[in-house]
Amino acid sequence: MDFRQQARTWLADNKHHAPPDYGPIMPPRLRGAAVAWQRRMADAGYVFFALPDDAKTVWLQECAAAAVPPVLNMVGLVLAANALLAFGTPDQQELLAGTGAGEIVWCQLFSEPAAGSDLASLSLRAVLDGDEWVLDGQKTWSSGASAADWGILLARTLDLADAPKHKGISFFVVDLRSPGIEVRPIRQMTGEAEFDDVFFTGVRVPAANLVGPPHGGWGVTMATLGNERAYIGSSVAALQRRLRSANASSAVERDRLAALHAKARALSFIDTRSGPAASLLKLGLTETTFDLAVAFGDRQSVLAAPGARLGGGTSEVQRNIIGELVLGLPKEPRPT
């Protein structure tokens, strides 16, 4: 039996144990159900970061068809896991077993109130003090931080006066039970609170929690965000499932729905590509999802739709990447 048929059979037999497919972000209220589902997947050998690359695409497609989450959350099973596999020390990689088994839930601590799309402008400081780094500052829009155990975090370790902004950033893994961390949920216009502000006041992190070289976290970050865009982009099958369930009651709506089907079909042909094509796929998917929500969605999906244009890098950032790296256009002017 090939992997697709094996996965399809297992999902048919087990999907009644799964929570509803909530996308890449685990709602904090579903942590218990999501952890139980991740454990069930792990027991059957379906730990996403441990699958071969071609099997990952198949797994995402089959989970989308079955309407179940393919992972507990993207931050842990995609971003943190791949960062540790590529850049982590053997001791840091010991966190992978608990991550795959659903025993460790992760969040992403990148964006700040004054550093969203321009992530390199972040200002949360990490100062080395003996064998510990001391963290002070704030992160915002942290997906599921209120339900997380650990986080992947970016901090400024060199002053802007001493190095270009991309060169003075370091990448850490942080235990969110550490003293000095405060998590405050952000209430969204949907009524949910899937994101949080996270405040760090004199938080001491072991030097062993530095991932990659000191001041070299930007390279780790770019690799990590590339994995995020590819994962989000690979959700084409879920989009196609939602399109099939949309009801068109007039000729105008049927024409609109046909156009969305055509876009989703075109995106499916980019699904297996990597590199800058991941930005093309991510942009196309999120824009089509937005159009679907506006045209045929209920109130909740319409309110949530704008967020798809932000996660994994804004649509504007994706257009810059596509223009420069895919189309070969001149780079956007940058301040010196």
C-alpha atoms as a PDB file:
ATOM      1  CA  MET A   1       0.000   0.000   0.000  1.00  0.00           C
ATOM      2  CA  ASP A   2       1.463   3.392  -0.976  1.00  0.00           C
ATOM      3  CA  PHE A   3       1.666   6.258   1.502  1.00  0.00           C
ATOM      4  CA  ARG A   4      -1.394   8.103   0.173  1.00  0.00           C
ATOM      5  CA  GLN A   5      -3.659   5.086   0.473  1.00  0.00           C
ATOM      6  CA  GLN A   6      -2.198   4.213   3.872  1.00  0.00           C
ATOM      7  CA  ALA A   7      -2.816   7.747   5.154  1.00  0.00           C
ATOM      8  CA  ARG A   8      -6.306   7.879   3.642  1.00  0.00           C
ATOM      9  CA  THR A   9      -7.276   4.590   5.284  1.00  0.00           C
ATOM     10  CA  TRP A  10      -5.902   5.610   8.677  1.00  0.00           C
ATOM     11  CA  LEU A  11      -7.665   8.982   8.539  1.00  0.00           C
ATOM     12  CA  ALA A  12     -10.965   7.350   7.614  1.00  0.00           C
ATOM     13  CA  ASP A  13     -10.643   5.089  10.655  1.00  0.00           C
ATOM     14  CA  ASN A  14      -9.513   7.806  13.083  1.00  0.00           C
ATOM     15  CA  LYS A  15     -10.893  11.175  11.994  1.00  0.00           C
ATOM     16  CA  HIS A  16     -13.781  10.928  14.470  1.00  0.00           C
ATOM     17  CA  HIS A  17     -11.161  11.417  17.212  1.00  0.00           C
ATOM     18  CA  ALA A  18      -9.943  14.681  15.702  1.00  0.00           C
ATOM     19  CA  PRO A  19     -11.016  18.228  16.525  1.00  0.00           C
ATOM     20  CA  PRO A  20     -12.438  20.246  13.613  1.00  0.00           C
ATOM     21  CA  ASP A  21      -9.794  21.455  11.165  1.00  0.00           C
ATOM     22  CA  TYR A  22      -8.715  24.789  12.637  1.00  0.00           C
ATOM     23  CA  GLY A  23      -5.926  25.597  10.179  1.00  0.00           C
ATOM     24  CA  PRO A  24      -2.313  26.392  11.115  1.00  0.00           C
ATOM     25  CA  ILE A  25      -3.163  28.124  14.420  1.00  0.00           C
ATOM     26  CA  MET A  26      -4.446  26.007  17.285  1.00  0.00           C
ATOM     27  CA  PRO A  27      -7.202  27.881  19.156  1.00  0.00           C
ATOM     28  CA  PRO A  28      -6.198  27.881  22.853  1.00  0.00           C
ATOM     29  CA  ARG A  29      -9.638  26.538  23.825  1.00  0.00           C
ATOM     30  CA  LEU A  30      -8.930  23.392  21.770  1.00  0.00           C
ATOM     31  CA  ARG A  31      -5.540  22.599  23.314  1.00  0.00           C
ATOM     32  CA  GLY A  32      -6.752  19.403  25.036  1.00  0.00           C
ATOM     33  CA  ALA A  33      -8.356  17.986  21.897  1.00  0.00           C
ATOM     34  CA  ALA A  34      -5.411  19.042  19.727  1.00  0.00           C
ATOM     35  CA  VAL A  35      -2.855  17.423  22.052  1.00  0.00           C
ATOM     36  CA  ALA A  36      -4.842  14.181  22.106  1.00  0.00           C
ATOM     37  CA  TRP A  37      -5.032  14.224  18.283  1.00  0.00           C
ATOM     38  CA  GLN A  38      -1.290  14.851  17.966  1.00  0.00           C
ATOM     39  CA  ARG A  39      -0.573  11.911  20.272  1.00  0.00           C
ATOM     40  CA  ARG A  40      -2.805   9.673  18.166  1.00  0.00           C
ATOM     41  CA  MET A  41      -1.019  10.759  14.984  1.00  0.00           C
ATOM     42  CA  ALA A  42       2.389  10.242  16.610  1.00  0.00           C
ATOM     43  CA  ASP A  43       1.473   6.746  17.787  1.00  0.00           C
ATOM     44  CA  ALA A  44       0.629   5.881  14.180  1.00  0.00           C
ATOM     45  CA  GLY A  45       3.878   7.361  12.834  1.00  0.00           C
ATOM     46  CA  TYR A  46       2.387  10.545  11.360  1.00  0.00           C
ATOM     47  CA  VAL A  47       4.722  13.116  12.912  1.00  0.00           C
ATOM     48  CA  PHE A  48       4.868  15.820  10.278  1.00  0.00           C
ATOM     49  CA  PHE A  49       8.506  16.910  10.575  1.00  0.00           C
ATOM     50  CA  ALA A  50       9.678  13.283  10.492  1.00  0.00           C
ATOM     51  CA  LEU A  51       7.938  12.495   7.184  1.00  0.00           C
ATOM     52  CA  PRO A  52       9.812  12.584   3.846  1.00  0.00           C
ATOM     53  CA  ASP A  53       9.142  15.767   1.881  1.00  0.00           C
ATOM     54  CA  ASP A  54       6.910  14.105  -0.704  1.00  0.00           C
ATOM     55  CA  ALA A  55       4.921  12.406   2.054  1.00  0.00           C
ATOM     56  CA  LYS A  56       4.390  15.761   3.803  1.00  0.00           C
ATOM     57  CA  THR A  57       2.533  17.113   0.777  1.00  0.00           C
ATOM     58  CA  VAL A  58       0.395  13.982   0.572  1.00  0.00           C
ATOM     59  CA  TRP A  59      -0.355  14.130   4.303  1.00  0.00           C
ATOM     60  CA  LEU A  60      -1.524  17.748   4.059  1.00  0.00           C
ATOM     61  CA  GLN A  61      -3.743  16.900   1.094  1.00  0.00           C
ATOM     62  CA  GLU A  62      -5.315  13.868   2.733  1.00  0.00           C
ATOM     63  CA  CYS A  63      -5.913  15.670   6.041  1.00  0.00           C
ATOM     64  CA  ALA A  64      -7.555  18.519   4.120  1.00  0.00           C
ATOM     65  CA  ALA A  65      -9.831  16.036   2.353  1.00  0.00           C
ATOM     66  CA  ALA A  66     -10.714  14.454   5.703  1.00  0.00           C
ATOM     67  CA  ALA A  67     -11.258  17.912   7.290  1.00  0.00           C
ATOM     68  CA  VAL A  68      -8.863  17.263  10.198  1.00  0.00           C
ATOM     69  CA  PRO A  69      -5.781  19.161  11.439  1.00  0.00           C
ATOM     70  CA  PRO A  70      -2.588  17.667   9.963  1.00  0.00           C
ATOM     71  CA  VAL A  71      -0.565  18.812  12.992  1.00  0.00           C
ATOM     72  CA  LEU A  72      -1.249  20.107  16.495  1.00  0.00           C
ATOM     73  CA  ASN A  73      -0.022  23.500  15.346  1.00  0.00           C
ATOM     74  CA  MET A  74       2.230  24.793  12.619  1.00  0.00           C
ATOM     75  CA  VAL A  75       4.573  26.682  14.952  1.00  0.00           C
ATOM     76  CA  GLY A  76       5.666  23.540  16.777  1.00  0.00           C
ATOM     77  CA  LEU A  77       5.521  20.803  14.152  1.00  0.00           C
ATOM     78  CA  VAL A  78       6.820  22.930  11.268  1.00  0.00           C
ATOM     79  CA  LEU A  79       8.661  26.051  12.414  1.00  0.00           C
ATOM     80  CA  ALA A  80      10.265  25.072  15.729  1.00  0.00           C
ATOM     81  CA  ALA A  81      10.901  21.493  14.619  1.00  0.00           C
ATOM     82  CA  ASN A  82      12.609  22.450  11.366  1.00  0.00           C
ATOM     83  CA  ALA A  83      14.655  25.178  13.053  1.00  0.00           C
ATOM     84  CA  LEU A  84      15.950  22.664  15.591  1.00  0.00           C
ATOM     85  CA  LEU A  85      16.576  19.991  12.957  1.00  0.00           C
ATOM     86  CA  ALA A  86      18.592  22.391  10.800  1.00  0.00           C
ATOM     87  CA  PHE A  87      20.348  24.544  13.400  1.00  0.00           C
ATOM     88  CA  GLY A  88      19.808  23.028  16.838  1.00  0.00           C
ATOM     89  CA  THR A  89      22.345  21.355  19.098  1.00  0.00           C
ATOM     90  CA  PRO A  90      21.841  17.710  20.141  1.00  0.00           C
ATOM     91  CA  ASP A  91      20.525  18.904  23.518  1.00  0.00           C
ATOM     92  CA  GLN A  92      18.064  21.273  21.860  1.00  0.00           C
ATOM     93  CA  GLN A  93      16.915  18.530  19.512  1.00  0.00           C
ATOM     94  CA  GLU A  94      15.818  16.517  22.533  1.00  0.00           C
ATOM     95  CA  LEU A  95      12.769  18.806  22.537  1.00  0.00           C
ATOM     96  CA  LEU A  96      11.655  17.208  19.268  1.00  0.00           C
ATOM     97  CA  ALA A  97      10.419  14.000  20.865  1.00  0.00           C
ATOM     98  CA  GLY A  98       8.031  15.873  23.139  1.00  0.00           C
ATOM     99  CA  THR A  99       6.998  18.141  20.283  1.00  0.00           C
ATOM    100  CA  GLY A 100       6.090  15.245  18.026  1.00  0.00           C
ATOM    101  CA  ALA A 101       4.201  13.512  20.822  1.00  0.00           C
ATOM    102  CA  GLY A 102       2.137  16.596  21.649  1.00  0.00           C
ATOM    103  CA  GLU A 103       3.774  16.995  25.052  1.00  0.00           C
ATOM    104  CA  ILE A 104       5.286  20.391  24.149  1.00  0.00           C
ATOM    105  CA  VAL A 105       3.157  23.088  22.545  1.00  0.00           C
ATOM    106  CA  TRP A 106       5.036  25.945  20.849  1.00  0.00           C
ATOM    107  CA  CYS A 107       4.339  29.555  19.941  1.00  0.00           C
ATOM    108  CA  GLN A 108       6.177  32.073  17.761  1.00  0.00           C
ATOM    109  CA  LEU A 109       7.645  35.180  19.399  1.00  0.00           C
ATOM    110  CA  PHE A 110       8.780  37.257  16.419  1.00  0.00           C
ATOM    111  CA  SER A 111       6.566  40.301  15.760  1.00  0.00           C
ATOM    112  CA  GLU A 112       6.649  43.402  17.944  1.00  0.00           C
ATOM    113  CA  PRO A 113       4.428  46.494  18.123  1.00  0.00           C
ATOM    114  CA  ALA A 114       6.960  48.456  16.029  1.00  0.00           C
ATOM    115  CA  ALA A 115       8.349  45.517  14.016  1.00  0.00           C
ATOM    116  CA  GLY A 116       5.781  43.608  12.004  1.00  0.00           C
ATOM    117  CA  SER A 117       6.507  43.394   8.291  1.00  0.00           C
ATOM    118  CA  ASP A 118       9.898  45.027   8.966  1.00  0.00           C
ATOM    119  CA  LEU A 119      10.846  42.250  11.352  1.00  0.00           C
ATOM    120  CA  ALA A 120      14.533  43.200  11.388  1.00  0.00           C
ATOM    121  CA  SER A 121      13.594  46.387  13.251  1.00  0.00           C
ATOM    122  CA  LEU A 122      12.738  44.396  16.382  1.00  0.00           C
ATOM    123  CA  SER A 123      13.910  45.849  19.680  1.00  0.00           C
ATOM    124  CA  LEU A 124      13.451  43.160  22.363  1.00  0.00           C
ATOM    125  CA  ARG A 125      16.913  42.977  23.916  1.00  0.00           C
ATOM    126  CA  ALA A 126      18.946  39.966  25.017  1.00  0.00           C
ATOM    127  CA  VAL A 127      22.087  40.768  27.027  1.00  0.00           C
ATOM    128  CA  LEU A 128      24.608  38.056  27.885  1.00  0.00           C
ATOM    129  CA  ASP A 129      25.235  37.745  31.623  1.00  0.00           C
ATOM    130  CA  GLY A 130      27.595  34.866  32.372  1.00  0.00           C
ATOM    131  CA  ASP A 131      25.976  31.696  31.068  1.00  0.00           C
ATOM    132  CA  GLU A 132      22.549  33.284  30.664  1.00  0.00           C
ATOM    133  CA  TRP A 133      20.879  35.798  28.361  1.00  0.00           C
ATOM    134  CA  VAL A 134      18.623  38.393  30.012  1.00  0.00           C
ATOM    135  CA  LEU A 135      15.557  39.323  27.919  1.00  0.00           C
ATOM    136  CA  ASP A 136      13.574  42.562  28.139  1.00  0.00           C
ATOM    137  CA  GLY A 137      10.867  43.754  25.759  1.00  0.00           C
ATOM    138  CA  GLN A 138       7.529  42.858  24.180  1.00  0.00           C
ATOM    139  CA  LYS A 139       6.216  40.557  21.480  1.00  0.00           C
ATOM    140  CA  THR A 140       2.770  40.855  19.921  1.00  0.00           C
ATOM    141  CA  TRP A 141       0.389  38.821  17.744  1.00  0.00           C
ATOM    142  CA  SER A 142       1.975  35.648  19.119  1.00  0.00           C
ATOM    143  CA  SER A 143      -0.169  32.750  17.895  1.00  0.00           C
ATOM    144  CA  GLY A 144      -1.470  30.655  20.786  1.00  0.00           C
ATOM    145  CA  ALA A 145       1.064  31.884  23.350  1.00  0.00           C
ATOM    146  CA  SER A 146      -1.494  31.532  26.154  1.00  0.00           C
ATOM    147  CA  ALA A 147      -1.669  27.778  25.467  1.00  0.00           C
ATOM    148  CA  ALA A 148       2.037  27.213  24.757  1.00  0.00           C
ATOM    149  CA  ASP A 149       4.848  25.677  26.801  1.00  0.00           C
ATOM    150  CA  TRP A 150       7.829  26.909  24.744  1.00  0.00           C
ATOM    151  CA  GLY A 151       8.428  29.615  22.170  1.00  0.00           C
ATOM    152  CA  ILE A 152      10.837  30.406  19.361  1.00  0.00           C
ATOM    153  CA  LEU A 153      12.011  33.973  19.878  1.00  0.00           C
ATOM    154  CA  LEU A 154      14.047  36.638  18.116  1.00  0.00           C
ATOM    155  CA  ALA A 155      16.001  39.177  20.143  1.00  0.00           C
ATOM    156  CA  ARG A 156      18.431  41.999  19.406  1.00  0.00           C
ATOM    157  CA  THR A 157      21.864  41.071  20.720  1.00  0.00           C
ATOM    158  CA  LEU A 158      23.871  43.857  19.043  1.00  0.00           C
ATOM    159  CA  ASP A 159      22.943  47.534  19.120  1.00  0.00           C
ATOM    160  CA  LEU A 160      21.899  49.108  15.844  1.00  0.00           C
ATOM    161  CA  ALA A 161      24.828  51.494  16.254  1.00  0.00           C
ATOM    162  CA  ASP A 162      27.224  48.538  16.185  1.00  0.00           C
ATOM    163  CA  ALA A 163      25.814  46.426  13.318  1.00  0.00           C
ATOM    164  CA  PRO A 164      23.236  46.544  10.488  1.00  0.00           C
ATOM    165  CA  LYS A 165      19.817  45.616  11.813  1.00  0.00           C
ATOM    166  CA  HIS A 166      19.826  42.174  10.132  1.00  0.00           C
ATOM    167  CA  LYS A 167      23.225  41.323  11.638  1.00  0.00           C
ATOM    168  CA  GLY A 168      22.515  41.836  15.336  1.00  0.00           C
ATOM    169  CA  ILE A 169      19.620  39.417  15.890  1.00  0.00           C
ATOM    170  CA  SER A 170      19.754  36.049  17.651  1.00  0.00           C
ATOM    171  CA  PHE A 171      17.301  33.125  17.675  1.00  0.00           C
ATOM    172  CA  PHE A 172      16.337  31.468  20.979  1.00  0.00           C
ATOM    173  CA  VAL A 173      14.067  28.761  22.318  1.00  0.00           C
ATOM    174  CA  VAL A 174      12.387  29.938  25.526  1.00  0.00           C
ATOM    175  CA  ASP A 175      10.536  28.068  28.270  1.00  0.00           C
ATOM    176  CA  LEU A 176       7.383  30.135  28.803  1.00  0.00           C
ATOM    177  CA  ARG A 177       7.252  29.082  32.454  1.00  0.00           C
ATOM    178  CA  SER A 178      10.363  31.200  33.083  1.00  0.00           C
ATOM    179  CA  PRO A 179       9.943  33.963  35.701  1.00  0.00           C
ATOM    180  CA  GLY A 180       9.350  37.417  34.244  1.00  0.00           C
ATOM    181  CA  ILE A 181       7.083  36.378  31.340  1.00  0.00           C
ATOM    182  CA  GLU A 182       3.524  37.751  31.181  1.00  0.00           C
ATOM    183  CA  VAL A 183       1.028  36.680  28.498  1.00  0.00           C
ATOM    184  CA  ARG A 184      -2.012  38.841  27.713  1.00  0.00           C
ATOM    185  CA  PRO A 185      -4.581  37.561  25.172  1.00  0.00           C
ATOM    186  CA  ILE A 186      -5.603  39.898  22.335  1.00  0.00           C
ATOM    187  CA  ARG A 187      -9.344  39.912  21.668  1.00  0.00           C
ATOM    188  CA  GLN A 188      -9.977  39.766  17.902  1.00  0.00           C
ATOM    189  CA  MET A 189     -12.974  41.135  16.067  1.00  0.00           C
ATOM    190  CA  THR A 190     -14.137  37.532  15.579  1.00  0.00           C
ATOM    191  CA  GLY A 191     -14.516  37.225  19.358  1.00  0.00           C
ATOM    192  CA  GLU A 192     -11.649  34.732  19.570  1.00  0.00           C
ATOM    193  CA  ALA A 193      -8.354  35.328  21.384  1.00  0.00           C
ATOM    194  CA  GLU A 194      -5.929  33.203  19.340  1.00  0.00           C
ATOM    195  CA  PHE A 195      -3.075  35.726  19.626  1.00  0.00           C
ATOM    196  CA  ASP A 196      -1.317  37.331  22.563  1.00  0.00           C
ATOM    197  CA  ASP A 197       0.940  40.102  23.733  1.00  0.00           C
ATOM    198  CA  VAL A 198       3.914  38.631  25.597  1.00  0.00           C
ATOM    199  CA  PHE A 199       6.023  40.773  27.938  1.00  0.00           C
ATOM    200  CA  PHE A 200       9.568  39.915  29.071  1.00  0.00           C
ATOM    201  CA  THR A 201      11.003  41.576  32.168  1.00  0.00           C
ATOM    202  CA  GLY A 202      14.458  40.413  33.202  1.00  0.00           C
ATOM    203  CA  VAL A 203      13.794  36.919  31.849  1.00  0.00           C
ATOM    204  CA  ARG A 204      16.859  34.702  32.204  1.00  0.00           C
ATOM    205  CA  VAL A 205      17.397  32.187  29.408  1.00  0.00           C
ATOM    206  CA  PRO A 206      20.276  29.666  29.487  1.00  0.00           C
ATOM    207  CA  ALA A 207      23.001  30.371  26.930  1.00  0.00           C
ATOM    208  CA  ALA A 208      22.420  26.799  25.716  1.00  0.00           C
ATOM    209  CA  ASN A 209      19.026  27.958  24.373  1.00  0.00           C
ATOM    210  CA  LEU A 210      20.638  30.018  21.606  1.00  0.00           C
ATOM    211  CA  VAL A 211      19.829  28.394  18.239  1.00  0.00           C
ATOM    212  CA  GLY A 212      22.471  28.984  15.581  1.00  0.00           C
ATOM    213  CA  PRO A 213      25.320  31.470  15.948  1.00  0.00           C
ATOM    214  CA  PRO A 214      25.112  34.540  18.204  1.00  0.00           C
ATOM    215  CA  HIS A 215      23.956  37.569  16.212  1.00  0.00           C
ATOM    216  CA  GLY A 216      23.291  35.211  13.278  1.00  0.00           C
ATOM    217  CA  GLY A 217      19.627  34.537  13.936  1.00  0.00           C
ATOM    218  CA  TRP A 218      18.446  36.210  10.738  1.00  0.00           C
ATOM    219  CA  GLY A 219      19.569  33.237   8.652  1.00  0.00           C
ATOM    220  CA  VAL A 220      17.741  30.859  10.993  1.00  0.00           C
ATOM    221  CA  THR A 221      14.694  33.118  10.746  1.00  0.00           C
ATOM    222  CA  MET A 222      14.613  33.208   6.948  1.00  0.00           C
ATOM    223  CA  ALA A 223      14.826  29.416   6.766  1.00  0.00           C
ATOM    224  CA  THR A 224      12.062  29.178   9.372  1.00  0.00           C
ATOM    225  CA  LEU A 225       9.748  31.609   7.590  1.00  0.00           C
ATOM    226  CA  GLY A 226      10.366  29.775   4.310  1.00  0.00           C
ATOM    227  CA  ASN A 227       8.993  26.633   5.952  1.00  0.00           C
ATOM    228  CA  GLU A 228       5.985  28.618   7.168  1.00  0.00           C
ATOM    229  CA  ARG A 229       5.147  29.960   3.705  1.00  0.00           C
ATOM    230  CA  ALA A 230       5.502  26.516   2.162  1.00  0.00           C
ATOM    231  CA  TYR A 231       3.213  24.976   4.796  1.00  0.00           C
ATOM    232  CA  ILE A 232       0.555  27.655   4.419  1.00  0.00           C
ATOM    233  CA  GLY A 233       0.789  27.391   0.653  1.00  0.00           C
ATOM    234  CA  SER A 234       0.362  23.633   0.755  1.00  0.00           C
ATOM    235  CA  SER A 235      -3.171  24.087   2.102  1.00  0.00           C
ATOM    236  CA  VAL A 236      -4.556  24.263  -1.434  1.00  0.00           C
ATOM    237  CA  ALA A 237      -6.518  21.045  -0.876  1.00  0.00           C
ATOM    238  CA  ALA A 238      -8.346  22.624   2.071  1.00  0.00           C
ATOM    239  CA  LEU A 239      -9.236  25.614  -0.098  1.00  0.00           C
ATOM    240  CA  GLN A 240     -10.582  23.310  -2.802  1.00  0.00           C
ATOM    241  CA  ARG A 241     -12.702  21.499  -0.208  1.00  0.00           C
ATOM    242  CA  ARG A 242     -14.222  24.792   0.942  1.00  0.00           C
ATOM    243  CA  LEU A 243     -14.902  25.772  -2.658  1.00  0.00           C
ATOM    244  CA  ARG A 244     -16.784  22.532  -3.253  1.00  0.00           C
ATOM    245  CA  SER A 245     -19.045  23.331  -0.299  1.00  0.00           C
ATOM    246  CA  ALA A 246     -19.836  26.875  -1.467  1.00  0.00           C
ATOM    247  CA  ASN A 247     -23.353  27.419  -2.783  1.00  0.00           C
ATOM    248  CA  ALA A 248     -23.904  29.603  -5.847  1.00  0.00           C
ATOM    249  CA  SER A 249     -27.537  30.618  -6.313  1.00  0.00           C
ATOM    250  CA  SER A 250     -27.283  32.967  -9.276  1.00  0.00           C
ATOM    251  CA  ALA A 251     -25.463  33.213 -12.595  1.00  0.00           C
ATOM    252  CA  VAL A 252     -23.194  35.919 -11.177  1.00  0.00           C
ATOM    253  CA  GLU A 253     -22.303  33.785  -8.171  1.00  0.00           C
ATOM    254  CA  ARG A 254     -21.700  30.729 -10.362  1.00  0.00           C
ATOM    255  CA  ASP A 255     -19.323  32.760 -12.518  1.00  0.00           C
ATOM    256  CA  ARG A 256     -17.515  34.018  -9.419  1.00  0.00           C
ATOM    257  CA  LEU A 257     -17.256  30.508  -7.990  1.00  0.00           C
ATOM    258  CA  ALA A 258     -15.927  29.133 -11.290  1.00  0.00           C
ATOM    259  CA  ALA A 259     -13.200  31.783 -11.296  1.00  0.00           C
ATOM    260  CA  LEU A 260     -12.179  30.824  -7.744  1.00  0.00           C
ATOM    261  CA  HIS A 261     -12.086  27.134  -8.740  1.00  0.00           C
ATOM    262  CA  ALA A 262      -9.793  28.032 -11.647  1.00  0.00           C
ATOM    263  CA  LYS A 263      -7.457  29.961  -9.315  1.00  0.00           C
ATOM    264  CA  ALA A 264      -7.314  27.070  -6.865  1.00  0.00           C
ATOM    265  CA  ARG A 265      -6.593  24.638  -9.690  1.00  0.00           C
ATOM    266  CA  ALA A 266      -3.745  26.831 -10.924  1.00  0.00           C
ATOM    267  CA  LEU A 267      -2.329  27.016  -7.380  1.00  0.00           C
ATOM    268  CA  SER A 268      -2.351  23.228  -7.140  1.00  0.00           C
ATOM    269  CA  PHE A 269       0.261  23.073  -9.910  1.00  0.00           C
ATOM    270  CA  ILE A 270       2.644  25.235  -7.864  1.00  0.00           C
ATOM    271  CA  ASP A 271       2.089  23.137  -4.747  1.00  0.00           C
ATOM    272  CA  THR A 272       5.158  20.911  -5.199  1.00  0.00           C
ATOM    273  CA  ARG A 273       7.641  23.725  -5.846  1.00  0.00           C
ATOM    274  CA  SER A 274       9.929  25.232  -3.234  1.00  0.00           C
ATOM    275  CA  GLY A 275      12.093  28.325  -2.836  1.00  0.00           C
ATOM    276  CA  PRO A 276      10.599  31.672  -3.953  1.00  0.00           C
ATOM    277  CA  ALA A 277       7.665  29.786  -5.508  1.00  0.00           C
ATOM    278  CA  ALA A 278       6.446  29.226  -1.943  1.00  0.00           C
ATOM    279  CA  SER A 279       5.770  32.970  -1.733  1.00  0.00           C
ATOM    280  CA  LEU A 280       3.791  32.811  -4.986  1.00  0.00           C
ATOM    281  CA  LEU A 281       1.729  29.938  -3.607  1.00  0.00           C
ATOM    282  CA  LYS A 282       1.214  31.579  -0.240  1.00  0.00           C
ATOM    283  CA  LEU A 283       0.102  34.849  -1.834  1.00  0.00           C
ATOM    284  CA  GLY A 284      -2.291  33.139  -4.241  1.00  0.00           C
ATOM    285  CA  LEU A 285      -3.780  30.949  -1.543  1.00  0.00           C
ATOM    286  CA  THR A 286      -4.406  33.706   0.983  1.00  0.00           C
ATOM    287  CA  GLU A 287      -5.850  36.110  -1.596  1.00  0.00           C
ATOM    288  CA  THR A 288      -8.146  33.409  -2.985  1.00  0.00           C
ATOM    289  CA  THR A 289      -9.211  32.444   0.538  1.00  0.00           C
ATOM    290  CA  PHE A 290     -10.025  36.092   1.211  1.00  0.00           C
ATOM    291  CA  ASP A 291     -12.090  36.343  -1.984  1.00  0.00           C
ATOM    292  CA  LEU A 292     -13.944  33.135  -1.092  1.00  0.00           C
ATOM    293  CA  ALA A 293     -14.787  34.379   2.389  1.00  0.00           C
ATOM    294  CA  VAL A 294     -16.058  37.717   1.094  1.00  0.00           C
ATOM    295  CA  ALA A 295     -18.114  36.118  -1.672  1.00  0.00           C
ATOM    296  CA  PHE A 296     -19.564  33.055   0.066  1.00  0.00           C
ATOM    297  CA  GLY A 297     -18.464  32.978   3.707  1.00  0.00           C
ATOM    298  CA  ASP A 298     -20.419  33.425   6.889  1.00  0.00           C
ATOM    299  CA  ARG A 299     -19.821  36.430   9.156  1.00  0.00           C
ATOM    300  CA  GLN A 300     -17.139  34.657  11.179  1.00  0.00           C
ATOM    301  CA  SER A 301     -15.036  33.720   8.153  1.00  0.00           C
ATOM    302  CA  VAL A 302     -15.407  37.227   6.686  1.00  0.00           C
ATOM    303  CA  LEU A 303     -14.114  38.755   9.923  1.00  0.00           C
ATOM    304  CA  ALA A 304     -11.209  36.285  10.052  1.00  0.00           C
ATOM    305  CA  ALA A 305     -10.261  36.576   6.377  1.00  0.00           C
ATOM    306  CA  PRO A 306      -8.043  39.695   6.577  1.00  0.00           C
ATOM    307  CA  GLY A 307      -5.680  37.871   8.922  1.00  0.00           C
ATOM    308  CA  ALA A 308      -4.752  35.450   6.155  1.00  0.00           C
ATOM    309  CA  ARG A 309      -3.051  38.366   4.401  1.00  0.00           C
ATOM    310  CA  LEU A 310      -0.730  38.867   7.381  1.00  0.00           C
ATOM    311  CA  GLY A 311       0.417  35.456   8.649  1.00  0.00           C
ATOM    312  CA  GLY A 312       3.675  34.115   7.227  1.00  0.00           C
ATOM    313  CA  GLY A 313       4.617  37.534   5.866  1.00  0.00           C
ATOM    314  CA  THR A 314       2.128  40.059   4.515  1.00  0.00           C
ATOM    315  CA  SER A 315       0.832  39.922   0.965  1.00  0.00           C
ATOM    316  CA  GLU A 316       2.879  43.057   0.225  1.00  0.00           C
ATOM    317  CA  VAL A 317       6.065  41.318   1.395  1.00  0.00           C
ATOM    318  CA  GLN A 318       5.235  38.271  -0.737  1.00  0.00           C
ATOM    319  CA  ARG A 319       4.813  40.511  -3.802  1.00  0.00           C
ATOM    320  CA  ASN A 320       8.250  42.002  -3.195  1.00  0.00           C
ATOM    321  CA  ILE A 321       9.805  38.526  -2.928  1.00  0.00           C
ATOM    322  CA  ILE A 322       8.073  37.371  -6.116  1.00  0.00           C
ATOM    323  CA  GLY A 323       9.057  40.514  -7.994  1.00  0.00           C
ATOM    324  CA  GLU A 324      12.709  40.357  -6.986  1.00  0.00           C
ATOM    325  CA  LEU A 325      13.424  36.608  -6.849  1.00  0.00           C
ATOM    326  CA  VAL A 326      10.953  35.149  -9.369  1.00  0.00           C
ATOM    327  CA  LEU A 327      10.513  37.920 -11.938  1.00  0.00           C
ATOM    328  CA  GLY A 328      13.976  39.437 -11.569  1.00  0.00           C
ATOM    329  CA  LEU A 329      12.699  42.982 -11.082  1.00  0.00           C
ATOM    330  CA  PRO A 330      14.882  45.639  -9.421  1.00  0.00           C
ATOM    331  CA  LYS A 331      14.852  45.570  -5.647  1.00  0.00           C
ATOM    332  CA  GLU A 332      12.559  47.916  -3.808  1.00  0.00           C
ATOM    333  CA  PRO A 333      14.472  50.992  -2.579  1.00  0.00           C
ATOM    334  CA  ARG A 334      15.528  50.512   1.017  1.00  0.00           C
ATOM    335  CA  PRO A 335      16.510  53.202   3.505  1.00  0.00           C
ATOM    336  CA  THR A 336      20.225  53.398   4.234  1.00  0.00           C
END
